[in-house]
Structures are given as C-alpha cells and as structure tokens.
Amino acid sequence: MKKTDQEWQAVLSEEEFRVCRLGGTEAPFSGTLLHNAETGTYHCTCCNVALFNSARKFDAGCGWPSFDLPVSSDAITYLEDRSHGMLRTEIRCAACDSHLGHVFPDGPTETGQRYCVNSVSLKFDQTGEA
C-alpha cells in the first residue's frame, strides 16, 4: 500500500502519523490498548491488516502492549534499528510499512519474543480472533 505523506496525513491523526509514518514512539503507559483485556484481533491503524491476536498479548510491564507472536509469519517485517545508541529490531506492518514498535528476545512464553507495540499503531476488533 503506497500513499504519500500528504495522503497519510489526511486520514491519520497527528499522533498516528508521527508514530506510524515517521517512526515515533508514544509515551510509555499512555496507550489506550495497554490494559485492554478483551478478546479479539489487533489490526494495523493505517491499513487494517490483522497483526496480533489477543490470546498472544501479555503484560510485560514495559508500558506498551506486548505480544509473543504475530498472527502470521508474513504480517510483520523486521528492520535493524541502530538509533539511540542501541541495536534493536524494528517491526513494521508488512502490508503498508507502518512503524509498530520493536521486538525483543526476552519474552516470558515459549516463543521467547516480546513484540512491544505502540497502541496508536493498532486498532482493536473485538469481533473475534484472526
């Protein structure tokens, strides 16, 4: 999905654009989906593609919604991120290249992964699992 910055700005809030399109980060513990415990599917804010199931969400205590696995292996793309003097793995929506957050190899489940995602990068659909 290709759109110009102007096209994205027309359909996203200022905060959604800053995080999703410019790679920003929302303040920790400020996201609306951080404590969401409803059953459903988390979709990309920009293109509405399913990214994570609520069954894979856990409280990592890091200030952002955390998941141990995406809905499919091709839902997410991974990029090396060397910003802020760290080496991290950035995660993006594979369909529209929206910045989601980062994945870390310190998850508490059998996957060992912690997908740390900005709430503003996600839309929640309570209608069911993907």
N, C-alpha and C. Protein backbone atom coordinates (compact mmCIF):
# COMPACT_ATOMS: atom_id res chain seq x y z
N MET A 1 0.84 -1.18 0.00
CA MET A 1 0.00 0.00 0.00
C MET A 1 0.89 1.24 0.00
N LYS A 2 0.84 1.98 -1.06
CA LYS A 2 1.66 3.18 -1.20
C LYS A 2 0.78 4.42 -1.15
N LYS A 3 1.12 5.33 -0.25
CA LYS A 3 0.46 6.63 -0.15
C LYS A 3 1.54 7.67 0.11
N THR A 4 1.29 8.87 -0.30
CA THR A 4 2.22 9.96 0.00
C THR A 4 2.01 10.40 1.45
N ASP A 5 2.97 11.14 1.99
CA ASP A 5 2.81 11.67 3.34
C ASP A 5 1.54 12.51 3.44
N GLN A 6 1.26 13.28 2.43
CA GLN A 6 0.06 14.12 2.43
C GLN A 6 -1.21 13.27 2.49
N GLU A 7 -1.23 12.18 1.76
CA GLU A 7 -2.39 11.28 1.81
C GLU A 7 -2.54 10.64 3.19
N TRP A 8 -1.42 10.23 3.81
CA TRP A 8 -1.48 9.65 5.15
C TRP A 8 -1.95 10.70 6.15
N GLN A 9 -1.45 11.93 6.05
CA GLN A 9 -1.84 12.99 6.98
C GLN A 9 -3.34 13.28 6.90
N ALA A 10 -3.93 13.07 5.74
CA ALA A 10 -5.36 13.33 5.57
C ALA A 10 -6.23 12.30 6.28
N VAL A 11 -5.71 11.10 6.54
CA VAL A 11 -6.52 10.04 7.14
C VAL A 11 -6.07 9.63 8.55
N LEU A 12 -4.92 10.11 8.99
CA LEU A 12 -4.41 9.77 10.32
C LEU A 12 -4.41 11.00 11.22
N SER A 13 -4.54 10.78 12.53
CA SER A 13 -4.38 11.88 13.48
C SER A 13 -2.92 12.30 13.48
N GLU A 14 -2.63 13.41 14.10
CA GLU A 14 -1.25 13.90 14.18
C GLU A 14 -0.35 12.88 14.88
N GLU A 15 -0.85 12.30 15.98
CA GLU A 15 -0.07 11.31 16.73
C GLU A 15 0.09 10.01 15.93
N GLU A 16 -0.97 9.56 15.27
CA GLU A 16 -0.88 8.36 14.43
C GLU A 16 0.16 8.57 13.32
N PHE A 17 0.15 9.71 12.69
CA PHE A 17 1.11 10.00 11.62
C PHE A 17 2.53 10.01 12.18
N ARG A 18 2.74 10.67 13.33
CA ARG A 18 4.07 10.78 13.93
C ARG A 18 4.65 9.41 14.26
N VAL A 19 3.83 8.55 14.82
CA VAL A 19 4.30 7.22 15.22
C VAL A 19 4.36 6.27 14.03
N CYS A 20 3.25 6.13 13.32
CA CYS A 20 3.14 5.13 12.25
C CYS A 20 3.96 5.44 11.02
N ARG A 21 3.99 6.67 10.61
CA ARG A 21 4.65 7.03 9.36
C ARG A 21 6.05 7.60 9.56
N LEU A 22 6.29 8.24 10.72
CA LEU A 22 7.59 8.85 10.97
C LEU A 22 8.45 8.05 11.95
N GLY A 23 7.93 6.93 12.46
CA GLY A 23 8.72 6.07 13.34
C GLY A 23 8.85 6.56 14.76
N GLY A 24 7.90 7.37 15.21
CA GLY A 24 7.94 7.88 16.58
C GLY A 24 7.51 6.83 17.59
N THR A 25 7.47 7.24 18.85
CA THR A 25 7.06 6.35 19.93
C THR A 25 6.11 7.11 20.84
N GLU A 26 5.02 6.48 21.22
CA GLU A 26 4.13 7.12 22.19
C GLU A 26 4.75 6.98 23.58
N ALA A 27 4.35 7.85 24.48
CA ALA A 27 4.87 7.81 25.84
C ALA A 27 4.49 6.48 26.50
N PRO A 28 5.41 5.89 27.27
CA PRO A 28 5.08 4.64 27.95
C PRO A 28 3.90 4.82 28.90
N PHE A 29 3.09 3.79 29.02
CA PHE A 29 1.93 3.73 29.90
C PHE A 29 0.82 4.72 29.52
N SER A 30 0.88 5.26 28.30
CA SER A 30 -0.13 6.23 27.87
C SER A 30 -1.10 5.65 26.83
N GLY A 31 -0.81 4.51 26.26
CA GLY A 31 -1.61 3.97 25.18
C GLY A 31 -2.95 3.42 25.62
N THR A 32 -3.96 3.62 24.78
CA THR A 32 -5.31 3.18 25.11
C THR A 32 -5.47 1.67 25.12
N LEU A 33 -4.60 0.94 24.46
CA LEU A 33 -4.73 -0.52 24.38
C LEU A 33 -3.82 -1.27 25.34
N LEU A 34 -3.05 -0.54 26.12
CA LEU A 34 -2.10 -1.17 27.03
C LEU A 34 -2.79 -2.19 27.95
N HIS A 35 -3.89 -1.81 28.57
CA HIS A 35 -4.55 -2.69 29.53
C HIS A 35 -5.80 -3.36 28.96
N ASN A 36 -5.96 -3.32 27.66
CA ASN A 36 -7.11 -3.96 27.03
C ASN A 36 -7.03 -5.47 27.26
N ALA A 37 -8.08 -6.04 27.83
CA ALA A 37 -8.11 -7.48 28.11
C ALA A 37 -9.23 -8.18 27.35
N GLU A 38 -9.85 -7.48 26.42
CA GLU A 38 -10.94 -8.06 25.64
C GLU A 38 -10.38 -9.08 24.64
N THR A 39 -11.24 -9.99 24.21
CA THR A 39 -10.86 -10.98 23.21
C THR A 39 -11.09 -10.40 21.82
N GLY A 40 -10.10 -10.53 20.96
CA GLY A 40 -10.24 -10.03 19.60
C GLY A 40 -8.92 -9.99 18.87
N THR A 41 -8.88 -9.14 17.86
CA THR A 41 -7.71 -9.04 16.98
C THR A 41 -7.23 -7.60 16.90
N TYR A 42 -5.93 -7.43 16.92
CA TYR A 42 -5.31 -6.12 16.78
C TYR A 42 -4.89 -5.95 15.32
N HIS A 43 -5.35 -4.85 14.72
CA HIS A 43 -5.10 -4.56 13.31
C HIS A 43 -4.22 -3.31 13.18
N CYS A 44 -3.58 -3.18 12.04
CA CYS A 44 -2.77 -2.01 11.72
C CYS A 44 -3.68 -0.79 11.62
N THR A 45 -3.30 0.29 12.28
CA THR A 45 -4.05 1.55 12.22
C THR A 45 -4.14 2.07 10.79
N CYS A 46 -3.09 1.91 10.02
CA CYS A 46 -3.04 2.50 8.69
C CYS A 46 -3.79 1.72 7.62
N CYS A 47 -3.68 0.39 7.64
CA CYS A 47 -4.26 -0.40 6.54
C CYS A 47 -5.26 -1.46 6.98
N ASN A 48 -5.44 -1.59 8.29
CA ASN A 48 -6.42 -2.51 8.88
C ASN A 48 -6.10 -3.99 8.70
N VAL A 49 -4.89 -4.34 8.35
CA VAL A 49 -4.48 -5.75 8.26
C VAL A 49 -4.32 -6.32 9.67
N ALA A 50 -4.78 -7.54 9.89
CA ALA A 50 -4.64 -8.20 11.19
C ALA A 50 -3.16 -8.44 11.49
N LEU A 51 -2.75 -8.10 12.72
CA LEU A 51 -1.34 -8.24 13.12
C LEU A 51 -1.15 -9.16 14.32
N PHE A 52 -1.99 -9.02 15.35
CA PHE A 52 -1.82 -9.79 16.58
C PHE A 52 -3.18 -10.24 17.11
N ASN A 53 -3.20 -11.41 17.75
CA ASN A 53 -4.39 -11.92 18.43
C ASN A 53 -4.29 -11.60 19.92
N SER A 54 -5.45 -11.35 20.53
CA SER A 54 -5.47 -11.05 21.97
C SER A 54 -4.94 -12.22 22.80
N ALA A 55 -5.07 -13.45 22.30
CA ALA A 55 -4.58 -14.62 23.03
C ALA A 55 -3.06 -14.59 23.18
N ARG A 56 -2.37 -13.82 22.36
CA ARG A 56 -0.90 -13.75 22.40
C ARG A 56 -0.41 -12.50 23.14
N LYS A 57 -1.32 -11.73 23.74
CA LYS A 57 -0.97 -10.50 24.46
C LYS A 57 -0.63 -10.83 25.90
N PHE A 58 0.34 -10.13 26.46
CA PHE A 58 0.69 -10.32 27.86
C PHE A 58 1.18 -9.00 28.44
N ASP A 59 1.18 -8.90 29.75
CA ASP A 59 1.63 -7.69 30.43
C ASP A 59 3.13 -7.81 30.71
N ALA A 60 3.91 -7.10 29.92
CA ALA A 60 5.36 -7.13 30.08
C ALA A 60 5.85 -6.09 31.08
N GLY A 61 4.96 -5.18 31.49
CA GLY A 61 5.34 -4.14 32.43
C GLY A 61 6.22 -3.06 31.82
N CYS A 62 6.30 -3.04 30.48
CA CYS A 62 7.20 -2.10 29.80
C CYS A 62 6.51 -0.79 29.40
N GLY A 63 5.17 -0.74 29.48
CA GLY A 63 4.47 0.48 29.14
C GLY A 63 3.81 0.49 27.79
N TRP A 64 3.96 -0.59 27.03
CA TRP A 64 3.35 -0.71 25.71
C TRP A 64 2.70 -2.09 25.60
N PRO A 65 1.65 -2.21 24.80
CA PRO A 65 1.08 -3.55 24.59
C PRO A 65 2.15 -4.51 24.08
N SER A 66 2.16 -5.71 24.62
CA SER A 66 3.17 -6.70 24.26
C SER A 66 2.52 -8.00 23.82
N PHE A 67 3.10 -8.60 22.82
CA PHE A 67 2.61 -9.86 22.25
C PHE A 67 3.81 -10.78 22.06
N ASP A 68 3.56 -12.09 22.04
CA ASP A 68 4.68 -13.02 21.85
C ASP A 68 4.74 -13.59 20.44
N LEU A 69 3.76 -13.25 19.59
CA LEU A 69 3.72 -13.82 18.25
C LEU A 69 2.72 -13.04 17.40
N PRO A 70 3.06 -12.72 16.15
CA PRO A 70 2.08 -12.09 15.26
C PRO A 70 1.09 -13.14 14.73
N VAL A 71 0.03 -12.68 14.05
CA VAL A 71 -0.99 -13.60 13.53
C VAL A 71 -0.43 -14.53 12.46
N SER A 72 0.58 -14.08 11.72
CA SER A 72 1.22 -14.92 10.72
C SER A 72 2.66 -14.46 10.53
N SER A 73 3.48 -15.33 9.99
CA SER A 73 4.90 -15.01 9.81
C SER A 73 5.12 -13.91 8.78
N ASP A 74 4.14 -13.68 7.90
CA ASP A 74 4.32 -12.65 6.88
C ASP A 74 3.57 -11.36 7.19
N ALA A 75 3.02 -11.21 8.40
CA ALA A 75 2.30 -9.99 8.78
C ALA A 75 3.25 -8.85 9.13
N ILE A 76 4.45 -9.19 9.57
CA ILE A 76 5.42 -8.22 10.09
C ILE A 76 6.71 -8.28 9.29
N THR A 77 7.31 -7.10 9.07
CA THR A 77 8.67 -7.06 8.53
C THR A 77 9.60 -6.58 9.64
N TYR A 78 10.85 -6.96 9.54
CA TYR A 78 11.83 -6.70 10.58
C TYR A 78 12.99 -5.90 10.00
N LEU A 79 13.39 -4.84 10.70
CA LEU A 79 14.49 -3.98 10.25
C LEU A 79 15.48 -3.76 11.39
N GLU A 80 16.74 -3.74 11.07
CA GLU A 80 17.75 -3.40 12.07
C GLU A 80 17.61 -1.92 12.42
N ASP A 81 17.62 -1.62 13.72
CA ASP A 81 17.48 -0.24 14.20
C ASP A 81 18.66 0.06 15.12
N ARG A 82 19.50 0.97 14.71
CA ARG A 82 20.68 1.35 15.50
C ARG A 82 20.52 2.74 16.12
N SER A 83 19.29 3.23 16.20
CA SER A 83 19.06 4.56 16.77
C SER A 83 19.25 4.56 18.28
N HIS A 84 19.46 5.73 18.84
CA HIS A 84 19.58 5.92 20.29
C HIS A 84 20.71 5.12 20.91
N GLY A 85 21.74 4.81 20.15
CA GLY A 85 22.90 4.10 20.66
C GLY A 85 22.65 2.64 21.01
N MET A 86 21.57 2.07 20.45
CA MET A 86 21.22 0.69 20.74
C MET A 86 21.11 -0.10 19.44
N LEU A 87 21.17 -1.40 19.55
CA LEU A 87 20.88 -2.28 18.42
C LEU A 87 19.58 -2.99 18.75
N ARG A 88 18.53 -2.67 17.98
CA ARG A 88 17.20 -3.25 18.21
C ARG A 88 16.65 -3.73 16.88
N THR A 89 15.55 -4.45 16.95
CA THR A 89 14.84 -4.90 15.75
C THR A 89 13.51 -4.18 15.69
N GLU A 90 13.38 -3.30 14.71
CA GLU A 90 12.13 -2.58 14.49
C GLU A 90 11.14 -3.51 13.81
N ILE A 91 9.86 -3.38 14.16
CA ILE A 91 8.81 -4.13 13.48
C ILE A 91 7.89 -3.16 12.75
N ARG A 92 7.51 -3.58 11.52
CA ARG A 92 6.62 -2.78 10.68
C ARG A 92 5.55 -3.67 10.10
N CYS A 93 4.42 -3.07 9.76
CA CYS A 93 3.36 -3.79 9.07
C CYS A 93 3.87 -4.15 7.68
N ALA A 94 3.79 -5.41 7.33
CA ALA A 94 4.29 -5.85 6.03
C ALA A 94 3.44 -5.31 4.87
N ALA A 95 2.19 -5.00 5.14
CA ALA A 95 1.29 -4.55 4.08
C ALA A 95 1.47 -3.08 3.71
N CYS A 96 1.73 -2.22 4.71
CA CYS A 96 1.79 -0.77 4.43
C CYS A 96 3.03 -0.08 4.97
N ASP A 97 3.93 -0.83 5.60
CA ASP A 97 5.19 -0.31 6.12
C ASP A 97 5.01 0.64 7.31
N SER A 98 3.91 0.51 8.03
CA SER A 98 3.68 1.33 9.21
C SER A 98 4.60 0.88 10.34
N HIS A 99 5.22 1.85 11.02
CA HIS A 99 6.03 1.54 12.19
C HIS A 99 5.13 1.07 13.32
N LEU A 100 5.47 -0.07 13.91
CA LEU A 100 4.69 -0.63 15.01
C LEU A 100 5.40 -0.50 16.35
N GLY A 101 6.69 -0.77 16.36
CA GLY A 101 7.47 -0.77 17.59
C GLY A 101 8.72 -1.59 17.39
N HIS A 102 9.04 -2.44 18.38
CA HIS A 102 10.24 -3.27 18.32
C HIS A 102 9.95 -4.65 18.89
N VAL A 103 10.76 -5.61 18.52
CA VAL A 103 10.67 -6.95 19.09
C VAL A 103 11.97 -7.25 19.82
N PHE A 104 11.83 -7.87 20.99
CA PHE A 104 12.98 -8.19 21.83
C PHE A 104 12.96 -9.68 22.17
N PRO A 105 14.13 -10.28 22.35
CA PRO A 105 14.22 -11.72 22.63
C PRO A 105 14.13 -12.05 24.12
N ASP A 106 13.24 -11.35 24.83
CA ASP A 106 13.14 -11.56 26.28
C ASP A 106 11.70 -11.84 26.73
N GLY A 107 10.91 -12.39 25.84
CA GLY A 107 9.52 -12.70 26.18
C GLY A 107 9.41 -13.86 27.15
N PRO A 108 8.34 -13.88 27.96
CA PRO A 108 8.19 -14.90 29.00
C PRO A 108 7.55 -16.21 28.55
N THR A 109 7.12 -16.29 27.28
CA THR A 109 6.44 -17.50 26.83
C THR A 109 7.40 -18.39 26.06
N GLU A 110 6.87 -19.49 25.52
CA GLU A 110 7.70 -20.45 24.78
C GLU A 110 8.34 -19.83 23.53
N THR A 111 7.78 -18.74 23.01
CA THR A 111 8.39 -18.12 21.82
C THR A 111 9.64 -17.33 22.19
N GLY A 112 9.71 -16.87 23.43
CA GLY A 112 10.85 -16.06 23.87
C GLY A 112 10.85 -14.66 23.29
N GLN A 113 9.76 -14.27 22.61
CA GLN A 113 9.70 -12.97 21.95
C GLN A 113 8.77 -12.01 22.69
N ARG A 114 9.11 -10.72 22.63
CA ARG A 114 8.26 -9.66 23.16
C ARG A 114 8.11 -8.60 22.08
N TYR A 115 6.99 -8.64 21.39
CA TYR A 115 6.66 -7.63 20.39
C TYR A 115 6.07 -6.45 21.14
N CYS A 116 6.83 -5.40 21.29
CA CYS A 116 6.47 -4.22 22.05
C CYS A 116 5.91 -3.19 21.05
N VAL A 117 4.59 -2.93 21.12
CA VAL A 117 3.89 -2.20 20.06
C VAL A 117 3.23 -0.94 20.60
N ASN A 118 3.36 0.14 19.87
CA ASN A 118 2.65 1.38 20.21
C ASN A 118 1.15 1.17 20.06
N SER A 119 0.36 1.55 21.06
CA SER A 119 -1.11 1.44 20.97
C SER A 119 -1.65 2.19 19.77
N VAL A 120 -1.07 3.34 19.49
CA VAL A 120 -1.55 4.18 18.40
C VAL A 120 -1.33 3.52 17.03
N SER A 121 -0.48 2.53 16.97
CA SER A 121 -0.23 1.78 15.72
C SER A 121 -1.25 0.68 15.49
N LEU A 122 -2.12 0.48 16.48
CA LEU A 122 -3.07 -0.63 16.43
C LEU A 122 -4.52 -0.16 16.55
N LYS A 123 -5.41 -0.92 15.93
CA LYS A 123 -6.85 -0.79 16.13
C LYS A 123 -7.33 -2.15 16.61
N PHE A 124 -8.23 -2.14 17.59
CA PHE A 124 -8.70 -3.39 18.16
C PHE A 124 -10.07 -3.74 17.60
N ASP A 125 -10.24 -5.00 17.20
CA ASP A 125 -11.51 -5.52 16.70
C ASP A 125 -11.95 -6.63 17.65
N GLN A 126 -13.02 -6.37 18.39
CA GLN A 126 -13.49 -7.31 19.39
C GLN A 126 -14.34 -8.44 18.81
N THR A 127 -14.52 -8.45 17.51
CA THR A 127 -15.41 -9.44 16.91
C THR A 127 -14.85 -10.85 16.89
N GLY A 128 -13.60 -11.02 17.13
CA GLY A 128 -13.06 -12.38 17.16
C GLY A 128 -11.60 -12.45 16.83
N GLU A 129 -11.10 -13.64 16.83
CA GLU A 129 -9.68 -13.89 16.54
C GLU A 129 -9.45 -13.96 15.05
N ALA A 130 -8.24 -13.55 14.61
CA ALA A 130 -7.88 -13.64 13.19
C ALA A 130 -7.53 -15.06 12.83
